[in-house]
Protein backbone atom coordinates (compact mmCIF):
# COMPACT_ATOMS: atom_id res chain seq x y z
CA MET A 1 60.97 19.94 -21.77
CA ARG A 2 59.52 16.75 -23.22
CA LEU A 3 58.61 14.02 -20.74
CA SER A 4 58.75 10.35 -21.55
CA VAL A 5 55.59 8.28 -21.21
CA GLY A 6 57.13 6.44 -18.24
CA LYS A 7 57.97 9.70 -16.44
CA LEU A 8 54.50 11.08 -17.10
CA ARG A 9 52.91 7.93 -15.66
CA GLU A 10 55.13 8.26 -12.58
CA ILE A 11 54.01 11.87 -12.07
CA TYR A 12 50.36 10.87 -12.48
CA ARG A 13 50.83 8.04 -9.99
CA GLU A 14 52.39 10.32 -7.40
CA SER A 15 49.62 12.88 -7.90
CA LYS A 16 46.98 10.12 -7.66
CA VAL A 17 45.67 10.94 -11.14
CA ARG A 18 43.84 8.04 -12.76
CA ARG A 19 42.18 7.33 -16.09
CA LYS A 20 38.44 7.39 -15.44
CA PHE A 21 35.23 7.20 -17.42
CA LEU A 22 34.01 10.53 -18.77
CA LYS A 23 30.92 11.81 -16.99
CA GLU A 24 28.39 13.45 -19.28
CA THR A 25 26.50 16.27 -17.56
CA LYS A 26 24.66 19.46 -18.35
CA LEU A 27 26.28 22.78 -17.49
CA VAL A 28 24.01 24.98 -15.39
CA THR A 29 24.20 28.75 -15.96
CA ARG A 30 23.95 31.24 -13.08
CA PRO A 31 20.40 32.44 -13.95
CA HIS A 32 19.28 28.84 -14.22
CA LEU A 33 21.00 28.02 -10.93
CA ARG A 34 19.03 30.79 -9.21
CA LYS A 35 15.80 29.28 -10.52
CA ILE A 36 16.87 25.83 -9.31
CA ASN A 37 17.67 27.19 -5.83
CA ALA A 38 14.31 28.96 -5.66
CA ALA A 39 12.50 25.78 -6.74
CA ALA A 40 14.45 23.76 -4.14
CA LYS A 41 13.35 26.14 -1.37
CA GLU A 42 9.75 25.92 -2.54
CA ALA A 43 9.84 22.11 -2.58
CA HIS A 44 11.39 22.06 0.91
CA VAL A 45 8.68 24.40 2.26
CA LEU A 46 5.92 22.27 0.72
CA LEU A 47 7.41 19.07 2.12
CA SER A 48 7.74 20.56 5.60
CA ASP A 49 4.22 22.01 5.46
CA HIS A 50 2.56 18.74 4.43
CA LEU A 51 4.51 16.75 7.03
CA ALA A 52 3.46 19.24 9.72
CA ARG A 53 -0.18 18.80 8.65
CA GLY A 54 0.07 15.02 9.04
CA PHE A 55 0.41 14.05 5.39
CA SER A 56 2.32 10.94 4.40
CA ILE A 57 4.81 11.74 1.62
CA VAL A 58 4.88 9.17 -1.18
CA TYR A 59 7.98 9.32 -3.40
CA LEU A 60 7.48 8.01 -6.93
CA ASP A 61 9.27 7.81 -10.26
CA GLU A 62 9.82 5.64 -13.34
CA VAL A 63 12.69 3.38 -14.33
CA CYS A 64 13.36 1.20 -17.39
CA PHE A 65 14.72 -2.34 -17.72
CA THR A 66 16.17 -3.00 -21.18
CA LYS A 67 18.40 -5.52 -22.95
CA THR A 68 21.43 -3.63 -21.60
CA THR A 69 20.36 -4.17 -17.98
CA LEU A 70 23.07 -6.77 -17.43
CA PRO A 71 26.04 -7.06 -15.05
CA LYS A 72 29.26 -5.56 -16.37
CA LEU A 73 31.34 -8.34 -14.77
CA ALA A 74 30.89 -12.09 -14.32
CA TRP A 75 33.08 -14.80 -12.82
CA SER A 76 34.93 -16.73 -15.54
CA ALA A 77 37.76 -19.25 -15.76
CA VAL A 78 41.28 -18.11 -16.67
CA GLY A 79 41.56 -17.42 -20.41
CA HIS A 80 37.78 -17.55 -20.87
CA ASN A 81 35.14 -14.81 -20.87
CA PHE A 82 31.52 -15.59 -20.09
CA GLN A 83 29.55 -14.92 -23.29
CA VAL A 84 25.92 -13.83 -23.51
CA ASP A 85 23.76 -14.10 -26.60
CA PRO A 86 20.77 -11.67 -26.66
CA LYS A 87 18.66 -14.63 -27.81
CA GLN A 88 19.16 -16.14 -24.35
CA TYR A 89 17.00 -13.53 -22.61
CA ASP A 90 14.10 -11.13 -23.14
CA THR A 91 15.38 -8.02 -24.96
CA SER A 92 12.08 -6.13 -24.65
CA CYS A 93 11.95 -2.82 -22.79
CA TYR A 94 9.91 -2.76 -19.58
CA ALA A 95 8.97 0.49 -17.85
CA VAL A 96 8.23 0.53 -14.14
CA VAL A 97 6.53 3.20 -12.06
CA ALA A 98 6.93 2.64 -8.34
CA ALA A 99 6.24 4.44 -5.07
CA ILE A 100 7.73 4.34 -1.58
CA SER A 101 6.93 5.98 1.76
CA TYR A 102 8.58 6.18 5.18
CA CYS A 103 5.74 4.36 6.94
CA ARG A 104 5.15 1.46 4.56
CA GLY A 105 8.36 1.17 2.59
CA LEU A 106 7.45 -0.12 -0.85
CA GLU A 107 3.98 1.17 -1.67
CA LEU A 108 3.18 0.14 -5.21
CA VAL A 109 4.87 -1.22 -8.34
CA GLN A 110 3.36 -1.11 -11.83
CA ILE A 111 5.19 -2.84 -14.70
CA GLU A 112 4.41 -2.08 -18.33
CA LYS A 113 5.93 -3.34 -21.56
CA GLY A 114 7.08 -0.29 -23.48
CA SER A 115 6.62 3.02 -21.69
CA ILE A 116 4.46 4.73 -19.09
CA ASP A 117 2.06 7.14 -20.77
CA ARG A 118 -0.46 9.46 -19.15
CA ALA A 119 -3.29 6.91 -19.15
CA LYS A 120 -1.13 4.27 -17.41
CA PHE A 121 0.20 6.81 -14.94
CA LYS A 122 -3.34 7.88 -14.00
CA VAL A 123 -4.22 4.24 -13.35
CA PHE A 124 -1.19 4.05 -11.05
CA LEU A 125 -2.37 7.14 -9.14
CA GLU A 126 -5.87 5.69 -8.80
CA ASP A 127 -4.42 2.44 -7.38
CA LEU A 128 -2.30 4.48 -4.98
CA ARG A 129 -5.33 6.42 -3.77
CA GLN A 130 -7.32 3.19 -3.37
CA LYS A 131 -4.53 1.84 -1.18
CA HIS A 132 -4.66 5.02 0.92
CA TRP A 133 -8.41 5.60 0.69
CA ALA A 134 -8.60 7.07 4.22
CA ASP A 135 -5.14 8.69 4.43
CA ASP A 136 -3.81 12.14 3.66
CA ILE A 137 -1.00 11.64 1.16
CA ALA A 138 1.11 13.91 -1.04
CA VAL A 139 3.29 12.71 -3.91
CA PHE A 140 6.88 13.82 -4.50
CA LEU A 141 7.84 13.44 -8.16
CA ASP A 142 10.09 14.86 -10.87
CA ASN A 143 9.30 17.20 -13.74
CA LEU A 144 8.64 14.56 -16.40
CA SER A 145 6.15 15.81 -19.01
CA VAL A 146 3.73 13.00 -18.07
CA HIS A 147 3.71 14.21 -14.46
CA ARG A 148 3.11 17.84 -15.40
CA SER A 149 0.48 17.23 -18.08
CA GLY A 150 -2.87 18.93 -17.56
CA ASP A 151 -5.02 15.81 -17.36
CA VAL A 152 -2.67 14.13 -14.84
CA ARG A 153 -2.65 17.19 -12.58
CA GLU A 154 -6.42 17.40 -12.88
CA ARG A 155 -6.71 13.73 -11.89
CA LEU A 156 -4.45 14.34 -8.89
CA GLU A 157 -6.78 17.12 -7.74
CA GLU A 158 -9.83 14.86 -8.19
CA LEU A 159 -8.14 12.16 -6.10
CA GLY A 160 -7.21 14.70 -3.42
CA ILE A 161 -3.47 14.12 -3.77
CA PRO A 162 -1.27 17.25 -3.59
CA SER A 163 1.85 17.12 -5.77
CA ILE A 164 5.33 18.35 -4.83
CA PHE A 165 7.77 18.60 -7.73
CA ASN A 166 11.45 17.92 -7.31
CA THR A 167 14.07 20.43 -8.42
CA ALA A 168 15.61 20.04 -11.87
CA TYR A 169 18.95 18.16 -11.96
CA SER A 170 18.37 16.97 -8.38
CA CYS A 171 17.45 13.31 -8.66
CA GLU A 172 19.41 12.68 -5.44
CA ASN A 173 16.56 14.43 -3.58
CA ASN A 174 14.18 11.61 -4.48
CA PRO A 175 15.04 8.52 -2.40
CA ILE A 176 13.32 6.17 -4.81
CA GLU A 177 16.33 6.62 -7.12
CA GLN A 178 18.40 4.79 -4.48
CA VAL A 179 15.78 2.05 -4.42
CA PHE A 180 15.99 1.70 -8.20
CA SER A 181 19.77 1.32 -7.98
CA VAL A 182 19.47 -1.56 -5.49
CA VAL A 183 16.62 -3.17 -7.45
CA LYS A 184 18.61 -3.09 -10.68
CA HIS A 185 21.53 -4.74 -8.90
CA TYR A 186 19.30 -7.63 -7.77
CA PHE A 187 17.67 -7.84 -11.21
CA LYS A 188 21.02 -8.03 -13.03
CA LEU A 189 22.20 -10.87 -10.79
CA ALA A 190 18.93 -12.75 -11.34
CA ARG A 191 19.13 -12.25 -15.12
CA LEU A 192 22.70 -13.54 -15.24
CA ARG A 193 21.78 -16.57 -13.14
CA THR A 194 18.83 -17.32 -15.45
CA ILE A 195 21.10 -17.16 -18.50
CA GLN A 196 23.74 -19.39 -16.87
CA LEU A 197 21.11 -22.01 -16.03
CA GLY A 198 19.57 -21.81 -19.50
CA GLN A 199 16.13 -21.03 -18.09
CA LYS A 200 13.34 -19.00 -19.66
CA GLU A 201 13.32 -15.45 -18.34
CA ASP A 202 10.29 -13.89 -16.68
CA VAL A 203 11.20 -10.20 -16.62
CA PRO A 204 8.10 -8.86 -14.75
CA GLY A 205 8.48 -11.63 -12.16
CA ALA A 206 12.20 -10.92 -11.73
CA ILE A 207 11.50 -7.19 -11.33
CA ARG A 208 8.90 -7.83 -8.62
CA GLU A 209 11.25 -10.21 -6.80
CA ALA A 210 14.00 -7.57 -6.91
CA PHE A 211 11.69 -4.93 -5.42
CA ALA A 212 10.56 -7.35 -2.72
CA LYS A 213 14.16 -7.72 -1.52
CA VAL A 214 14.33 -4.03 -0.50
CA ASN A 215 12.81 -3.93 2.99
CA VAL A 216 11.18 -1.05 4.83
CA ILE A 217 14.23 -0.43 7.08
CA GLU A 218 16.49 0.10 4.05
CA ILE A 219 13.93 2.39 2.44
CA ARG A 220 13.66 4.50 5.60
CA LYS A 221 17.44 4.93 5.62
CA MET A 222 17.32 6.06 1.97
CA ILE A 223 14.58 8.59 2.72
CA ARG A 224 16.54 10.02 5.68
CA ARG A 225 19.67 10.35 3.52
CA SER A 226 17.76 12.22 0.80
CA ASN A 227 16.08 14.57 3.26
């Protein structure tokens, strides 16, 4: 039996079926899932062990701000859409490596034009150690090649910073991802406001201002949700 478009829409409406954006994801096979579960248990044991020994866990990761880091919606008059010309703002790509902890909230933010390579990441780790020169800290990070490179791991050992690697496909375990989401929201609003006012954009300054708006109480809530 052929159904008319109207009837099909009615059935979808009654079944609460909606048109939604496609979500691109990687399929995980059973053997791979077993490895992921084993890695998750190992990470959990390491986290619990370091916390029991009095270590402060520092969660870190990288995020990028590009020309597409703009709000999807903007208030406009009826029959008029707000238009943005890329010439009105900085279209360069900025990479940010940042760290948070339960005790201090936002620990450190390093902004680089382009990308974060091993040399820049080692500088970040050295600054982090200098900030915690008398503290026992361990870093929780993902499996990015920069993080797992030999010279970076060697530098971590020299600085006396144990590393705990997150499980693959489990970015929700790292609370700094929630921080990045909030920071990007503040950054997008600031960028749109700068464009509307016709002002010159200071991307590094706007990024730092966005990070500064996330207070320690919010960060603690994010860490508790992830753990």
